């Protein structure tokens, strides 16, 4: 996927599911299901309830995203 095809958004983690999936409420009010990126799994970065995260969305499916950054 090209870098131009990716939509970046920020949001807040509302729920934690099994297998590293999360319910994220974006700043626009939309709720999506998101999973951790490979780099976050590799370096064991923990994402907890209430964390502000940066999410990448594909323009093909706007209901599933990939968490790429956790704000402090």
N, C-alpha and C. Protein backbone atom coordinates (compact mmCIF):
# COMPACT_ATOMS: atom_id res chain seq x y z
N UNK A 1 0.84 -1.17 0.00
CA UNK A 1 0.00 0.00 0.00
C UNK A 1 0.89 1.24 0.00
N UNK A 2 0.56 2.19 -0.82
CA UNK A 2 1.33 3.41 -0.92
C UNK A 2 1.05 4.33 0.27
N UNK A 3 1.98 5.18 0.55
CA UNK A 3 1.83 6.12 1.65
C UNK A 3 0.68 7.09 1.40
N UNK A 4 0.38 7.38 0.12
CA UNK A 4 -0.72 8.29 -0.20
C UNK A 4 -2.09 7.68 0.08
N UNK A 5 -2.17 6.34 0.10
CA UNK A 5 -3.44 5.65 0.31
C UNK A 5 -3.85 5.56 1.78
N UNK A 6 -2.95 5.92 2.68
CA UNK A 6 -3.20 5.76 4.11
C UNK A 6 -3.76 7.06 4.69
N UNK A 7 -4.80 6.91 5.52
CA UNK A 7 -5.40 8.04 6.22
C UNK A 7 -4.98 7.94 7.69
N UNK A 8 -4.38 9.00 8.23
CA UNK A 8 -3.97 9.00 9.63
C UNK A 8 -5.00 9.76 10.46
N UNK A 9 -5.29 9.20 11.63
CA UNK A 9 -6.23 9.83 12.55
C UNK A 9 -5.77 9.54 13.97
N UNK A 10 -6.25 10.31 14.91
CA UNK A 10 -5.94 10.05 16.31
C UNK A 10 -7.24 9.77 17.05
N UNK A 11 -7.10 9.02 18.12
CA UNK A 11 -8.29 8.65 18.89
C UNK A 11 -7.91 8.15 20.27
N UNK A 12 -8.91 7.68 20.99
CA UNK A 12 -8.74 7.22 22.36
C UNK A 12 -9.21 5.77 22.47
N UNK A 13 -8.45 4.95 23.18
CA UNK A 13 -8.79 3.53 23.35
C UNK A 13 -9.95 3.43 24.35
N UNK A 14 -11.04 2.78 23.90
CA UNK A 14 -12.22 2.65 24.75
C UNK A 14 -12.34 1.26 25.36
N UNK A 15 -11.94 0.20 24.62
CA UNK A 15 -12.02 -1.17 25.11
C UNK A 15 -10.84 -1.95 24.59
N UNK A 16 -10.45 -2.99 25.35
CA UNK A 16 -9.39 -3.90 24.93
C UNK A 16 -10.02 -5.27 24.69
N UNK A 17 -9.76 -5.83 23.52
CA UNK A 17 -10.25 -7.16 23.18
C UNK A 17 -9.08 -8.14 23.22
N UNK A 18 -9.39 -9.41 22.98
CA UNK A 18 -8.35 -10.43 22.94
C UNK A 18 -7.53 -10.29 21.66
N UNK A 19 -6.36 -10.89 21.67
CA UNK A 19 -5.47 -10.98 20.52
C UNK A 19 -4.99 -9.62 20.03
N UNK A 20 -4.83 -8.67 20.94
CA UNK A 20 -4.26 -7.39 20.58
C UNK A 20 -5.14 -6.49 19.76
N UNK A 21 -6.45 -6.61 19.90
CA UNK A 21 -7.38 -5.74 19.20
C UNK A 21 -8.02 -4.77 20.19
N UNK A 22 -8.38 -3.59 19.68
CA UNK A 22 -8.90 -2.53 20.54
C UNK A 22 -10.06 -1.83 19.86
N UNK A 23 -10.96 -1.28 20.67
CA UNK A 23 -12.00 -0.40 20.17
C UNK A 23 -11.51 1.01 20.39
N UNK A 24 -11.37 1.77 19.30
CA UNK A 24 -10.82 3.12 19.36
C UNK A 24 -11.89 4.10 18.89
N UNK A 25 -12.11 5.15 19.69
CA UNK A 25 -13.02 6.21 19.29
C UNK A 25 -12.19 7.35 18.73
N UNK A 26 -12.35 7.63 17.45
CA UNK A 26 -11.59 8.68 16.79
C UNK A 26 -12.08 10.05 17.21
N UNK A 27 -11.26 11.07 16.95
CA UNK A 27 -11.64 12.44 17.29
C UNK A 27 -12.88 12.89 16.54
N UNK A 28 -13.15 12.27 15.39
CA UNK A 28 -14.34 12.61 14.61
C UNK A 28 -15.62 11.99 15.17
N UNK A 29 -15.48 11.10 16.17
CA UNK A 29 -16.63 10.47 16.79
C UNK A 29 -16.89 9.05 16.30
N UNK A 30 -16.21 8.62 15.26
CA UNK A 30 -16.38 7.27 14.70
C UNK A 30 -15.65 6.25 15.58
N UNK A 31 -16.25 5.08 15.78
CA UNK A 31 -15.62 4.01 16.53
C UNK A 31 -15.14 2.94 15.56
N UNK A 32 -13.88 2.52 15.71
CA UNK A 32 -13.30 1.52 14.82
C UNK A 32 -12.63 0.44 15.65
N UNK A 33 -12.38 -0.70 15.01
CA UNK A 33 -11.58 -1.76 15.59
C UNK A 33 -10.16 -1.59 15.08
N UNK A 34 -9.19 -1.64 15.99
CA UNK A 34 -7.80 -1.42 15.59
C UNK A 34 -6.93 -2.52 16.19
N UNK A 35 -5.82 -2.80 15.51
CA UNK A 35 -4.86 -3.78 15.98
C UNK A 35 -3.49 -3.12 16.06
N UNK A 36 -2.57 -3.75 16.79
CA UNK A 36 -1.23 -3.19 16.96
C UNK A 36 -0.39 -3.44 15.73
N UNK A 37 0.46 -2.49 15.39
CA UNK A 37 1.38 -2.67 14.28
C UNK A 37 2.49 -3.63 14.71
N UNK A 38 3.19 -4.17 13.75
CA UNK A 38 4.24 -5.13 14.03
C UNK A 38 5.37 -4.55 14.86
N UNK A 39 5.72 -3.31 14.63
CA UNK A 39 6.80 -2.68 15.38
C UNK A 39 6.41 -2.50 16.84
N UNK A 40 5.13 -2.22 17.12
CA UNK A 40 4.69 -2.06 18.51
C UNK A 40 4.69 -3.41 19.21
N UNK A 41 4.36 -4.49 18.49
CA UNK A 41 4.44 -5.83 19.07
C UNK A 41 5.88 -6.22 19.34
N UNK A 42 6.76 -5.90 18.38
CA UNK A 42 8.18 -6.27 18.49
C UNK A 42 8.83 -5.63 19.71
N UNK A 43 8.56 -4.36 19.96
CA UNK A 43 9.16 -3.66 21.08
C UNK A 43 8.29 -3.69 22.33
N UNK A 44 7.21 -4.48 22.31
CA UNK A 44 6.33 -4.72 23.44
C UNK A 44 5.81 -3.43 24.07
N UNK A 45 5.28 -2.55 23.21
CA UNK A 45 4.69 -1.31 23.69
C UNK A 45 3.26 -1.59 24.13
N UNK A 46 2.95 -1.30 25.36
CA UNK A 46 1.64 -1.60 25.93
C UNK A 46 0.66 -0.48 25.61
N UNK A 47 -0.55 -0.88 25.26
CA UNK A 47 -1.63 0.07 25.03
C UNK A 47 -2.74 -0.27 26.02
N UNK A 48 -3.15 0.70 26.81
CA UNK A 48 -4.14 0.49 27.85
C UNK A 48 -5.37 1.36 27.61
N UNK A 49 -6.41 1.11 28.38
CA UNK A 49 -7.63 1.91 28.29
C UNK A 49 -7.32 3.38 28.54
N UNK A 50 -7.89 4.25 27.73
CA UNK A 50 -7.73 5.67 27.91
C UNK A 50 -6.51 6.26 27.22
N UNK A 51 -5.66 5.44 26.63
CA UNK A 51 -4.49 5.96 25.93
C UNK A 51 -4.90 6.66 24.64
N UNK A 52 -4.20 7.72 24.32
CA UNK A 52 -4.41 8.42 23.05
C UNK A 52 -3.44 7.81 22.04
N UNK A 53 -3.97 7.35 20.92
CA UNK A 53 -3.17 6.63 19.93
C UNK A 53 -3.33 7.27 18.55
N UNK A 54 -2.35 7.01 17.70
CA UNK A 54 -2.41 7.41 16.30
C UNK A 54 -2.74 6.17 15.48
N UNK A 55 -3.72 6.26 14.59
CA UNK A 55 -4.22 5.12 13.84
C UNK A 55 -4.09 5.39 12.35
N UNK A 56 -3.70 4.36 11.60
CA UNK A 56 -3.69 4.44 10.14
C UNK A 56 -4.87 3.67 9.60
N UNK A 57 -5.62 4.29 8.70
CA UNK A 57 -6.79 3.67 8.08
C UNK A 57 -6.56 3.55 6.58
N UNK A 58 -7.09 2.50 5.99
CA UNK A 58 -7.08 2.35 4.55
C UNK A 58 -8.34 2.99 4.00
N UNK A 59 -8.26 3.59 2.84
CA UNK A 59 -9.46 4.20 2.29
C UNK A 59 -10.42 3.15 1.73
N UNK A 60 -10.00 1.89 1.69
CA UNK A 60 -10.88 0.81 1.24
C UNK A 60 -11.85 0.39 2.34
N UNK A 61 -11.37 0.34 3.60
CA UNK A 61 -12.21 -0.07 4.71
C UNK A 61 -11.93 0.85 5.90
N UNK A 62 -12.85 1.73 6.19
CA UNK A 62 -12.65 2.73 7.24
C UNK A 62 -13.08 2.25 8.62
N UNK A 63 -13.38 0.96 8.78
CA UNK A 63 -13.80 0.44 10.08
C UNK A 63 -12.69 -0.31 10.78
N UNK A 64 -11.57 -0.57 10.12
CA UNK A 64 -10.46 -1.30 10.70
C UNK A 64 -9.20 -0.46 10.54
N UNK A 65 -8.42 -0.34 11.60
CA UNK A 65 -7.21 0.46 11.56
C UNK A 65 -6.04 -0.24 12.21
N UNK A 66 -4.87 0.38 12.07
CA UNK A 66 -3.64 -0.15 12.65
C UNK A 66 -3.06 0.92 13.57
N UNK A 67 -2.83 0.56 14.83
CA UNK A 67 -2.28 1.50 15.81
C UNK A 67 -0.77 1.57 15.58
N UNK A 68 -0.27 2.79 15.32
CA UNK A 68 1.14 2.96 15.02
C UNK A 68 1.90 3.75 16.08
N UNK A 69 1.19 4.46 16.97
CA UNK A 69 1.87 5.31 17.94
C UNK A 69 0.99 5.48 19.17
N UNK A 70 1.59 5.45 20.35
CA UNK A 70 0.88 5.72 21.59
C UNK A 70 1.43 6.99 22.21
N UNK A 71 0.57 7.96 22.44
CA UNK A 71 1.00 9.23 23.05
C UNK A 71 1.18 9.07 24.54
N UNK A 72 2.05 9.87 25.10
CA UNK A 72 2.28 9.80 26.53
C UNK A 72 1.31 10.69 27.27
